[in-house]
Amino acid sequence: MDARPASVASEGWGWRYGGRAAWAAREVSLRIRPGERVLLLGASGSGKSTLLAGLAGVLGGDDEGETHGRLLVDGQPAGSVRGRSGLLLQDPDAQVILARVGDDVAFGCENLGVPRDETWRRVRASLAAVGLGLPLDHPTSTLSGGQKQRLALAGILAMQPGLLLLDEPTANLDPEGVLEVRDAVGAAIAATGATLVVVEHRVSVWRDLVDRVIVLAAGGGVLADGTPDAVLADNADTLRRAGVWLPHDEPAAPPARNAADRAALLEASALVLRRGRGEPLPHTVDVRIDAGSATALTGRNGVGKSTLALTLGGLIPPAGGSLVAAPALAAGAAASPSRWSSAQLLTRIGNVFQNPEHQLLEATVRAELRVGPRALRAHPPELAQQVDELLQRLRLAEVADANPFTLSGGQKRRLSVATALITRPTVLVFDEPTFGQDALTWAGLVELIAELRDDGHAIVAATHDIDFITAIGAGELRLVSDADQPAPTRAGRAS
């Protein structure tokens, strides 16, 4: 694989999504030389993902939005240079297309019309480059999150792009998966010489792999540009104010205000989990969820954290064992949360899915926040006040009238959390609640969740974010796979 590295030029470029008053990105001017390795930083909503989508040519035409300035790859409009850019996204599951590893990697080449023999040569070389030593007929459904990201990276490399674009590719991965993907990217760009642009909020993961840092300003344009050491040293205070996670900065935990009553709300005994119609997962879970407690569901990608979260949230029935709500939580409903109606769940258990888009329903952010309260027949003046307060606290006021699907990844995550918080359910079950956040929006989100914990709500979160676990004082319930050794936990037991 010897693809020629691509050059990038942005000349006063900006993009505004259709129906949006504000520009998602504006006045971005920069040049990236062939073969450079760039870390792109900036506050949540500053336009990082929009710039990557523009370079990949996937923003759409005039019917999708409005553009100004020029965005060029190899001196040509980015949308016209087919196959020169490869884009790797956050969600590992969203990028797996076919059932077998080899077919999945070959998919892009086949769409570009690469001859069959050359396609399969590239498939094998790309899998080797990312260190994914699996048979070509290995089922993609059995891969971990880190393996899926490496599979997606192999599919991109097989197309031999000159520009590799990574949009927070490790956001939903466990620590082992983060290292797998970072090392695979390092090996790939060393082998191909491709130009690299990676978007990330936390600098430490990619700092040693890049030779340049560009920071987008929240109001448009470029805030800083230079070598990693120079940008981080000379602009540290400015970057902190912009929400950039700097190496060695440790977020402060919000103080606990009071000790809430610790009465039991949910109790699982020998709980058996199942994904869809598949076989039950190989472990059982015993855990008690108390009022005013915080419980972190941890473990490697693919071990069953999301399945456990959905089961505790009443959205998947147990495959065995029992999950029982205490009378104080059930409040006259059935003892099993999986038998509750959506209206009964609204004030009892709130769920936030791993993919924010899976729970977006309305045409504007403000309307999205009204869905739950309206189902509960909330008083309009009080509802309006609640909505405005959440918009301000979660830094979503400026996009209140925007279509939720045009928000940045971090904004979508905060909106999905807000839709669960606004009905103030007794138990809140989150799946990766803090991904895609800059340091400032992370702190605001954590403060709000900690306040609910202190007010007696129970917090359950499937997460890889150690800082979040520490900040809310969560007990850890670690799910283990065959490759792990069982570890004692404070919040419960997974065996």
Protein backbone atom coordinates (compact mmCIF):
# COMPACT_ATOMS: atom_id res chain seq x y z
CA MET A 1 0.00 0.00 0.00
CA ASP A 2 1.78 3.11 -1.23
CA ALA A 3 -0.97 5.71 -1.68
CA ARG A 4 0.31 9.22 -2.25
CA PRO A 5 -0.39 11.40 0.82
CA ALA A 6 -2.96 14.14 0.26
CA SER A 7 -2.76 17.86 0.91
CA VAL A 8 -5.55 19.86 2.57
CA ALA A 9 -6.47 23.52 2.22
CA SER A 10 -9.33 25.35 3.89
CA GLU A 11 -9.81 28.92 2.71
CA GLY A 12 -12.30 30.81 4.88
CA TRP A 13 -14.50 27.72 4.76
CA GLY A 14 -17.74 27.31 6.64
CA TRP A 15 -20.88 25.19 6.64
CA ARG A 16 -24.41 25.84 7.87
CA TYR A 17 -26.90 22.99 8.03
CA GLY A 18 -30.29 23.54 6.40
CA GLY A 19 -32.73 25.11 8.84
CA ARG A 20 -29.97 26.27 11.20
CA ALA A 21 -29.40 29.96 11.96
CA ALA A 22 -25.87 29.44 13.24
CA TRP A 23 -22.93 28.11 11.24
CA ALA A 24 -21.63 24.71 12.36
CA ALA A 25 -18.16 25.78 11.19
CA ARG A 26 -17.06 29.18 9.92
CA GLU A 27 -14.02 31.07 8.68
CA VAL A 28 -11.72 28.06 8.91
CA SER A 29 -8.44 28.77 7.16
CA LEU A 30 -5.57 26.29 7.33
CA ARG A 31 -3.20 24.24 5.20
CA ILE A 32 -1.98 20.73 5.88
CA ARG A 33 0.98 19.40 3.95
CA PRO A 34 1.05 15.86 2.55
CA GLY A 35 2.06 13.36 5.24
CA GLU A 36 1.44 15.62 8.23
CA ARG A 37 -0.16 14.16 11.35
CA VAL A 38 -2.60 16.63 12.87
CA LEU A 39 -4.58 16.56 16.11
CA LEU A 40 -7.68 18.77 15.73
CA LEU A 41 -8.94 20.19 19.02
CA GLY A 42 -11.68 22.58 20.08
CA ALA A 43 -14.72 23.01 22.30
CA SER A 44 -17.79 20.83 21.79
CA GLY A 45 -19.70 22.34 18.86
CA SER A 46 -16.74 24.27 17.42
CA GLY A 47 -17.03 22.47 14.07
CA LYS A 48 -14.43 19.71 14.28
CA SER A 49 -16.67 16.89 13.08
CA THR A 50 -18.21 19.17 10.44
CA LEU A 51 -14.76 19.93 9.04
CA LEU A 52 -13.90 16.23 8.87
CA ALA A 53 -17.23 15.45 7.17
CA GLY A 54 -16.53 18.23 4.68
CA LEU A 55 -13.07 16.84 3.90
CA ALA A 56 -14.61 13.38 3.45
CA GLY A 57 -17.19 14.81 1.04
CA VAL A 58 -20.21 13.56 3.00
CA LEU A 59 -21.92 16.82 4.01
CA GLY A 60 -24.27 16.78 1.02
CA GLY A 61 -25.17 19.40 -1.55
CA ASP A 62 -27.05 22.68 -1.57
CA ASP A 63 -30.26 20.99 -0.43
CA GLU A 64 -28.52 19.86 2.79
CA GLY A 65 -26.97 23.16 3.78
CA GLU A 66 -25.03 26.26 2.82
CA THR A 67 -21.30 26.67 2.40
CA HIS A 68 -18.84 29.51 1.91
CA GLY A 69 -15.14 29.62 1.19
CA ARG A 70 -13.27 26.65 -0.24
CA LEU A 71 -12.33 23.24 1.15
CA LEU A 72 -9.76 21.45 -0.98
CA VAL A 73 -8.05 18.05 -1.06
CA ASP A 74 -5.08 17.88 -3.44
CA GLY A 75 -6.15 21.28 -4.77
CA GLN A 76 -9.61 20.02 -5.81
CA PRO A 77 -13.00 20.53 -4.10
CA ALA A 78 -13.12 17.92 -1.33
CA GLY A 79 -16.46 16.48 -2.45
CA SER A 80 -15.15 15.77 -5.97
CA VAL A 81 -12.05 13.74 -5.05
CA ARG A 82 -13.58 10.27 -4.81
CA GLY A 83 -11.62 7.78 -2.71
CA ARG A 84 -8.88 10.18 -1.58
CA SER A 85 -10.28 10.49 1.97
CA GLY A 86 -11.24 7.81 4.47
CA LEU A 87 -13.35 8.68 7.52
CA LEU A 88 -13.40 6.63 10.75
CA LEU A 89 -16.26 7.49 13.15
CA GLN A 90 -16.91 7.13 16.90
CA ASP A 91 -19.35 4.25 16.97
CA PRO A 92 -17.74 0.83 16.35
CA ASP A 93 -21.07 -0.87 15.57
CA ALA A 94 -22.18 1.73 13.01
CA GLN A 95 -19.30 0.91 10.68
CA VAL A 96 -19.61 -2.87 10.44
CA ILE A 97 -21.46 -3.65 7.20
CA LEU A 98 -21.07 -7.33 6.33
CA ALA A 99 -21.13 -10.58 8.29
CA ARG A 100 -17.55 -11.74 7.63
CA VAL A 101 -14.29 -9.93 8.30
CA GLY A 102 -12.86 -10.30 4.79
CA ASP A 103 -16.06 -9.21 3.05
CA ASP A 104 -16.35 -6.17 5.29
CA VAL A 105 -12.83 -4.98 4.48
CA ALA A 106 -13.38 -5.63 0.76
CA PHE A 107 -16.62 -3.63 0.61
CA GLY A 108 -15.04 -0.22 -0.09
CA CYS A 109 -12.68 -1.55 -2.75
CA GLU A 110 -15.55 -3.25 -4.54
CA ASN A 111 -17.48 0.03 -4.61
CA LEU A 112 -14.44 1.76 -6.14
CA GLY A 113 -14.20 -0.90 -8.86
CA VAL A 114 -10.85 -2.30 -7.74
CA PRO A 115 -10.12 -5.60 -9.59
CA ARG A 116 -10.90 -8.74 -7.57
CA ASP A 117 -7.33 -10.04 -7.20
CA GLU A 118 -6.08 -6.60 -6.17
CA THR A 119 -8.99 -6.18 -3.73
CA TRP A 120 -8.13 -9.36 -1.82
CA ARG A 121 -4.43 -8.52 -1.81
CA ARG A 122 -5.33 -5.20 -0.20
CA VAL A 123 -7.71 -6.89 2.26
CA ARG A 124 -4.96 -9.14 3.61
CA ALA A 125 -2.40 -6.33 3.71
CA SER A 126 -4.81 -3.97 5.50
CA LEU A 127 -5.74 -6.52 8.15
CA ALA A 128 -2.04 -7.13 8.76
CA ALA A 129 -1.38 -3.38 8.98
CA VAL A 130 -3.93 -2.93 11.79
CA GLY A 131 -2.87 -6.11 13.60
CA LEU A 132 -6.18 -7.92 13.17
CA GLY A 133 -4.98 -11.48 12.62
CA LEU A 134 -8.33 -13.17 12.05
CA PRO A 135 -9.51 -15.58 9.32
CA LEU A 136 -11.29 -13.85 6.45
CA ASP A 137 -14.48 -15.77 7.24
CA HIS A 138 -14.45 -14.83 10.94
CA PRO A 139 -17.91 -13.44 11.94
CA THR A 140 -17.91 -9.69 12.56
CA SER A 141 -20.68 -10.11 15.16
CA THR A 142 -18.19 -11.64 17.63
CA LEU A 143 -15.69 -8.77 17.54
CA SER A 144 -15.04 -6.44 20.48
CA GLY A 145 -15.38 -2.67 20.11
CA GLY A 146 -11.64 -2.22 19.62
CA GLN A 147 -11.58 -4.99 17.02
CA LYS A 148 -14.50 -3.41 15.17
CA GLN A 149 -12.69 -0.08 15.01
CA ARG A 150 -9.57 -1.80 13.68
CA LEU A 151 -11.76 -3.63 11.15
CA ALA A 152 -13.25 -0.31 9.99
CA LEU A 153 -9.74 1.15 9.78
CA ALA A 154 -8.61 -1.83 7.67
CA GLY A 155 -11.54 -1.23 5.31
CA ILE A 156 -10.48 2.39 4.90
CA LEU A 157 -6.82 1.49 4.35
CA ALA A 158 -7.77 -1.06 1.69
CA MET A 159 -9.15 1.82 -0.39
CA GLN A 160 -5.69 3.44 -0.15
CA PRO A 161 -6.79 6.96 0.77
CA GLY A 162 -4.22 9.71 0.88
CA LEU A 163 -6.06 11.39 3.77
CA LEU A 164 -7.07 9.51 6.92
CA LEU A 165 -9.76 11.28 8.98
CA LEU A 166 -10.55 10.02 12.50
CA ASP A 167 -13.51 11.45 14.42
CA GLU A 168 -13.03 10.48 18.09
CA PRO A 169 -12.45 6.84 17.14
CA THR A 170 -11.75 5.73 20.71
CA ALA A 171 -14.63 7.55 22.45
CA ASN A 172 -16.64 4.41 23.26
CA LEU A 173 -13.78 1.98 23.82
CA ASP A 174 -12.32 0.37 26.92
CA PRO A 175 -8.68 1.21 27.79
CA GLU A 176 -7.40 -1.87 25.95
CA GLY A 177 -9.42 -0.94 22.86
CA VAL A 178 -8.08 2.64 22.94
CA LEU A 179 -4.50 1.38 22.80
CA GLU A 180 -5.39 -1.14 20.08
CA VAL A 181 -6.83 1.55 17.81
CA ARG A 182 -4.14 4.14 18.49
CA ASP A 183 -1.36 1.63 17.81
CA ALA A 184 -3.14 0.38 14.67
CA VAL A 185 -3.38 3.95 13.38
CA GLY A 186 0.31 4.51 14.13
CA ALA A 187 1.28 1.36 12.26
CA ALA A 188 -0.98 2.23 9.33
CA ILE A 189 0.30 5.75 8.76
CA ALA A 190 3.88 4.54 9.17
CA ALA A 191 3.25 1.99 6.41
CA THR A 192 1.29 4.24 4.05
CA GLY A 193 2.57 7.75 4.73
CA ALA A 194 -1.03 8.99 4.54
CA THR A 195 -1.92 12.43 5.89
CA LEU A 196 -3.69 12.12 9.25
CA VAL A 197 -6.28 14.39 10.88
CA VAL A 198 -7.70 13.09 14.16
CA VAL A 199 -10.38 14.80 16.26
CA GLU A 200 -10.24 14.18 19.98
CA HIS A 201 -11.05 16.05 23.18
CA ARG A 202 -8.38 14.44 25.33
CA VAL A 203 -4.90 15.22 24.12
CA SER A 204 -2.90 12.51 25.89
CA VAL A 205 -4.05 9.57 23.71
CA TRP A 206 -2.71 11.00 20.43
CA ARG A 207 -0.03 13.48 21.51
CA ASP A 208 2.94 11.21 20.77
CA LEU A 209 1.56 10.21 17.36
CA VAL A 210 1.03 13.68 15.87
CA ASP A 211 3.43 16.40 14.79
CA ARG A 212 0.97 19.30 14.76
CA VAL A 213 -2.00 20.56 16.80
CA ILE A 214 -4.74 22.80 15.38
CA VAL A 215 -7.38 24.24 17.71
CA LEU A 216 -10.67 25.54 16.30
CA ALA A 217 -12.23 28.55 18.05
CA ALA A 218 -15.80 28.21 19.29
CA GLY A 219 -16.89 31.35 17.40
CA GLY A 220 -15.16 30.42 14.18
CA GLY A 221 -11.62 30.43 12.83
CA VAL A 222 -8.46 28.90 14.28
CA LEU A 223 -7.51 29.52 17.90
CA ALA A 224 -4.01 27.97 17.84
CA ASP A 225 -1.77 26.10 15.41
CA GLY A 226 1.70 24.66 15.82
CA THR A 227 3.75 21.80 17.23
CA PRO A 228 2.13 19.92 20.14
CA ASP A 229 4.63 21.18 22.70
CA ALA A 230 4.36 24.80 21.54
CA VAL A 231 0.57 24.90 21.35
CA LEU A 232 0.03 23.19 24.69
CA ALA A 233 2.68 25.18 26.55
CA ASP A 234 2.01 28.63 25.09
CA ASN A 235 -1.78 28.45 25.12
CA ALA A 236 -2.53 26.35 28.21
CA ASP A 237 -4.86 28.84 29.93
CA THR A 238 -6.64 29.72 26.68
CA LEU A 239 -7.13 26.05 25.86
CA ARG A 240 -8.51 25.31 29.33
CA ARG A 241 -11.03 28.14 28.95
CA ALA A 242 -12.00 26.60 25.57
CA GLY A 243 -12.62 23.24 27.24
CA VAL A 244 -9.62 21.36 25.87
CA TRP A 245 -8.52 18.42 28.04
CA LEU A 246 -4.83 19.04 28.68
CA PRO A 247 -2.45 16.25 29.75
CA HIS A 248 -2.13 15.91 33.53
CA ASP A 249 -5.21 18.10 34.20
CA GLU A 250 -7.45 16.24 36.63
CA PRO A 251 -11.13 17.20 36.76
CA ALA A 252 -12.46 18.17 40.17
CA ALA A 253 -15.23 16.07 41.72
CA PRO A 254 -18.37 17.99 42.69
CA PRO A 255 -18.79 17.93 46.48
CA ALA A 256 -21.53 15.77 47.99
CA ARG A 257 -24.19 18.02 49.52
CA ASN A 258 -25.93 15.54 51.77
CA ALA A 259 -26.33 11.86 52.51
CA ALA A 260 -29.57 10.64 50.96
CA ASP A 261 -31.65 7.76 52.27
CA ARG A 262 -30.06 4.52 51.01
CA ALA A 263 -33.19 2.42 50.74
CA ALA A 264 -33.12 -0.31 48.08
CA LEU A 265 -34.82 0.51 44.76
CA LEU A 266 -33.82 -2.37 42.46
CA GLU A 267 -32.37 -5.76 43.27
CA ALA A 268 -31.00 -8.31 40.80
CA SER A 269 -30.37 -11.89 41.85
CA ALA A 270 -28.60 -14.42 39.59
CA LEU A 271 -29.67 -12.16 36.70
CA VAL A 272 -29.09 -13.71 33.27
CA LEU A 273 -28.61 -11.37 30.29
CA ARG A 274 -29.38 -11.95 26.62
CA ARG A 275 -28.77 -9.82 23.52
CA GLY A 276 -31.76 -10.04 21.22
CA ARG A 277 -32.51 -13.65 20.30
CA GLY A 278 -28.95 -14.84 20.90
CA GLU A 279 -27.65 -17.17 23.54
CA PRO A 280 -27.60 -15.92 27.16
CA LEU A 281 -24.36 -14.21 28.17
CA PRO A 282 -22.01 -16.44 30.17
CA HIS A 283 -22.20 -14.56 33.46
CA THR A 284 -24.90 -13.82 36.03
CA VAL A 285 -25.26 -10.59 37.96
CA ASP A 286 -26.16 -9.85 41.57
CA VAL A 287 -26.53 -6.18 42.41
CA ARG A 288 -28.60 -3.87 44.59
CA ILE A 289 -29.33 -0.33 43.45
CA ASP A 290 -30.03 2.03 46.34
CA ALA A 291 -31.51 5.52 46.49
CA GLY A 292 -28.77 8.15 46.47
CA SER A 293 -26.18 5.71 45.11
CA ALA A 294 -24.02 5.69 41.98
CA THR A 295 -23.04 2.44 40.28
CA ALA A 296 -20.60 2.16 37.36
CA LEU A 297 -20.94 -0.83 35.04
CA THR A 298 -17.44 -1.54 33.73
CA GLY A 299 -15.60 -4.16 31.72
CA ARG A 300 -14.23 -4.74 28.26
CA ASN A 301 -16.13 -3.87 25.09
CA GLY A 302 -18.59 -6.61 24.20
CA VAL A 303 -18.83 -8.10 27.70
CA GLY A 304 -22.48 -7.06 28.18
CA LYS A 305 -22.49 -3.64 29.89
CA SER A 306 -25.07 -2.13 27.51
CA THR A 307 -27.22 -5.26 27.75
CA LEU A 308 -27.12 -5.04 31.55
CA ALA A 309 -27.99 -1.33 31.42
CA LEU A 310 -31.00 -2.00 29.19
CA THR A 311 -32.11 -4.85 31.46
CA LEU A 312 -31.82 -2.76 34.64
CA GLY A 313 -33.65 0.00 32.76
CA GLY A 314 -36.65 -2.25 32.15
CA LEU A 315 -36.20 -2.32 28.37
CA ILE A 316 -35.02 -5.96 28.06
CA PRO A 317 -36.62 -8.76 30.10
CA PRO A 318 -34.19 -10.92 32.10
CA ALA A 319 -33.26 -14.21 30.43
CA GLY A 320 -33.14 -15.81 33.88
CA GLY A 321 -32.86 -15.01 37.54
CA SER A 322 -34.79 -12.03 38.84
CA LEU A 323 -34.89 -8.23 38.75
CA VAL A 324 -37.33 -6.79 41.27
CA ALA A 325 -38.28 -3.19 41.99
CA ALA A 326 -38.88 -2.25 45.60
CA PRO A 327 -42.41 -1.05 46.44
CA ALA A 328 -41.12 2.51 46.79
CA LEU A 329 -39.99 2.44 43.13
CA ALA A 330 -42.76 0.27 41.68
CA ALA A 331 -45.41 2.50 43.32
CA GLY A 332 -48.29 0.20 42.44
CA ALA A 333 -46.88 -1.09 39.16
CA ALA A 334 -45.67 -4.66 38.56
CA ALA A 335 -42.58 -5.77 40.48
CA SER A 336 -40.64 -6.44 37.25
CA PRO A 337 -39.57 -3.22 35.42
CA SER A 338 -39.71 -5.00 32.04
CA ARG A 339 -43.51 -5.18 32.46
CA TRP A 340 -43.90 -1.42 32.94
CA SER A 341 -45.40 0.75 30.23
CA SER A 342 -43.43 3.66 28.76
CA ALA A 343 -45.53 6.08 30.82
CA GLN A 344 -44.74 4.12 34.01
CA LEU A 345 -41.02 4.14 33.19
CA LEU A 346 -40.92 7.92 32.67
CA THR A 347 -40.83 8.84 36.36
CA ARG A 348 -39.39 5.58 37.66
CA ILE A 349 -36.43 4.70 35.41
CA GLY A 350 -34.91 6.97 32.78
CA ASN A 351 -32.70 5.45 30.07
CA VAL A 352 -29.96 7.04 27.97
CA PHE A 353 -28.76 4.84 25.11
CA GLN A 354 -25.18 4.59 23.88
CA ASN A 355 -26.15 6.06 20.50
CA PRO A 356 -27.95 9.40 21.11
CA GLU A 357 -29.68 9.32 17.72
CA HIS A 358 -31.62 6.22 18.75
CA GLN A 359 -33.80 8.34 21.05
CA LEU A 360 -34.24 11.57 19.10
CA LEU A 361 -37.83 12.15 17.95
CA GLU A 362 -38.55 15.82 17.33
CA ALA A 363 -37.55 18.53 14.84
CA THR A 364 -35.95 20.88 17.38
CA VAL A 365 -33.89 20.55 20.54
CA ARG A 366 -36.49 22.42 22.59
CA ALA A 367 -39.30 20.17 21.35
CA GLU A 368 -37.18 17.11 22.16
CA LEU A 369 -36.98 18.15 25.80
CA ARG A 370 -40.76 18.56 25.99
CA VAL A 371 -41.62 15.01 24.89
CA GLY A 372 -41.44 13.29 28.29
CA PRO A 373 -43.02 16.06 30.39
CA ARG A 374 -45.90 16.45 27.92
CA ALA A 375 -46.63 12.74 28.24
CA LEU A 376 -46.91 13.39 31.98
CA ARG A 377 -49.21 16.40 31.32
CA ALA A 378 -46.72 18.87 32.81
CA HIS A 379 -47.99 22.42 33.47
CA PRO A 380 -46.80 24.53 30.47
CA PRO A 381 -45.23 27.46 32.40
CA GLU A 382 -43.32 25.12 34.70
CA LEU A 383 -42.25 23.00 31.72
CA ALA A 384 -40.93 26.04 29.87
CA GLN A 385 -38.86 27.01 32.92
CA GLN A 386 -37.46 23.46 33.26
CA VAL A 387 -36.52 23.33 29.59
CA ASP A 388 -34.77 26.71 29.68
CA GLU A 389 -32.83 25.74 32.80
CA LEU A 390 -31.56 22.50 31.28
CA LEU A 391 -30.65 24.22 28.00
CA GLN A 392 -28.54 26.73 29.92
CA ARG A 393 -26.87 24.24 32.25
CA LEU A 394 -25.94 21.82 29.46
CA ARG A 395 -24.80 24.58 27.06
CA LEU A 396 -27.52 23.86 24.53
CA ALA A 397 -29.35 27.22 24.61
CA GLU A 398 -27.72 28.40 21.38
CA VAL A 399 -29.04 25.37 19.50
CA ALA A 400 -32.49 25.26 21.13
CA ASP A 401 -34.28 25.70 17.78
CA ALA A 402 -31.92 23.48 15.76
CA ASN A 403 -32.73 20.04 14.38
CA PRO A 404 -31.18 17.54 16.85
CA PHE A 405 -29.67 15.51 14.01
CA THR A 406 -27.53 18.50 12.95
CA LEU A 407 -25.84 18.84 16.36
CA SER A 408 -22.28 17.76 17.08
CA GLY A 409 -21.73 14.37 18.72
CA GLY A 410 -21.13 15.95 22.12
CA GLN A 411 -24.25 18.13 21.84
CA LYS A 412 -26.38 15.11 20.88
CA ARG A 413 -25.09 13.26 23.92
CA ARG A 414 -25.96 16.15 26.27
CA LEU A 415 -29.41 16.41 24.69
CA SER A 416 -30.09 12.70 25.15
CA VAL A 417 -29.06 12.95 28.81
CA ALA A 418 -31.29 16.00 29.23
CA THR A 419 -34.34 14.17 27.82
CA ALA A 420 -33.96 11.61 30.61
CA LEU A 421 -33.21 14.14 33.36
CA ILE A 422 -36.17 16.41 32.70
CA THR A 423 -38.78 13.95 34.02
CA ARG A 424 -36.61 13.39 37.13
CA PRO A 425 -36.99 9.59 37.29
CA THR A 426 -36.02 7.90 40.53
CA VAL A 427 -33.39 5.74 38.77
CA LEU A 428 -31.26 7.00 35.88
CA VAL A 429 -29.51 4.45 33.66
CA PHE A 430 -26.85 5.89 31.33
CA ASP A 431 -24.78 4.23 28.62
CA GLU A 432 -21.53 6.20 28.15
CA PRO A 433 -23.01 9.51 29.38
CA THR A 434 -19.83 11.59 28.99
CA PHE A 435 -18.45 10.69 25.55
CA GLY A 436 -17.76 13.54 23.13
CA GLN A 437 -17.50 16.20 25.85
CA ASP A 438 -14.91 18.90 26.25
CA ALA A 439 -13.68 19.63 29.76
CA LEU A 440 -16.29 22.33 30.40
CA THR A 441 -19.34 20.44 29.16
CA TRP A 442 -18.08 17.32 30.96
CA ALA A 443 -17.92 19.23 34.24
CA GLY A 444 -21.43 20.63 33.79
CA LEU A 445 -22.84 17.20 33.00
CA VAL A 446 -21.13 15.58 35.98
CA GLU A 447 -22.28 18.33 38.34
CA LEU A 448 -25.89 17.86 37.27
CA ILE A 449 -25.75 14.07 37.66
CA ALA A 450 -24.07 14.40 41.08
CA GLU A 451 -26.83 16.76 42.23
CA LEU A 452 -29.46 14.18 41.32
CA ARG A 453 -27.50 11.53 43.24
CA ASP A 454 -27.40 13.81 46.28
CA ASP A 455 -31.14 14.40 46.03
CA GLY A 456 -31.75 10.66 46.38
CA HIS A 457 -31.88 9.51 42.76
CA ALA A 458 -29.96 6.36 41.89
CA ILE A 459 -27.37 6.62 39.11
CA VAL A 460 -26.33 3.62 37.02
CA ALA A 461 -23.82 4.16 34.20
CA ALA A 462 -22.12 1.83 31.75
CA THR A 463 -18.88 3.70 31.22
CA HIS A 464 -15.16 3.58 30.46
CA ASP A 465 -14.65 7.10 31.87
CA ILE A 466 -12.57 6.63 35.02
CA ASP A 467 -12.71 10.36 35.79
CA PHE A 468 -16.52 10.24 35.72
CA ILE A 469 -16.60 7.19 38.01
CA THR A 470 -14.33 8.96 40.50
CA ALA A 471 -16.17 12.30 40.28
CA ILE A 472 -19.57 10.88 41.21
CA GLY A 473 -18.16 8.46 43.79
CA ALA A 474 -19.54 5.41 42.00
CA GLY A 475 -19.17 1.87 43.20
CA GLU A 476 -17.94 -0.42 40.44
CA LEU A 477 -19.72 -3.48 39.10
CA ARG A 478 -17.27 -5.07 36.68
CA LEU A 479 -18.53 -7.61 34.18
CA VAL A 480 -15.92 -10.19 33.26
CA SER A 481 -15.35 -12.26 30.16
CA ASP A 482 -13.52 -15.56 29.79
CA ALA A 483 -10.32 -13.58 29.25
CA ASP A 484 -10.66 -11.74 32.57
CA GLN A 485 -10.08 -12.77 36.14
CA PRO A 486 -13.11 -12.03 38.36
CA ALA A 487 -12.54 -9.02 40.56
CA PRO A 488 -14.35 -7.98 43.74
CA THR A 489 -16.66 -4.98 43.41
CA ARG A 490 -18.20 -2.48 45.78
CA ALA A 491 -21.64 -2.17 44.19
CA GLY A 492 -22.45 -5.75 43.44
CA ARG A 493 -21.10 -8.91 41.95
CA ALA A 494 -20.76 -10.19 38.40
CA SER A 495 -19.73 -13.78 37.99
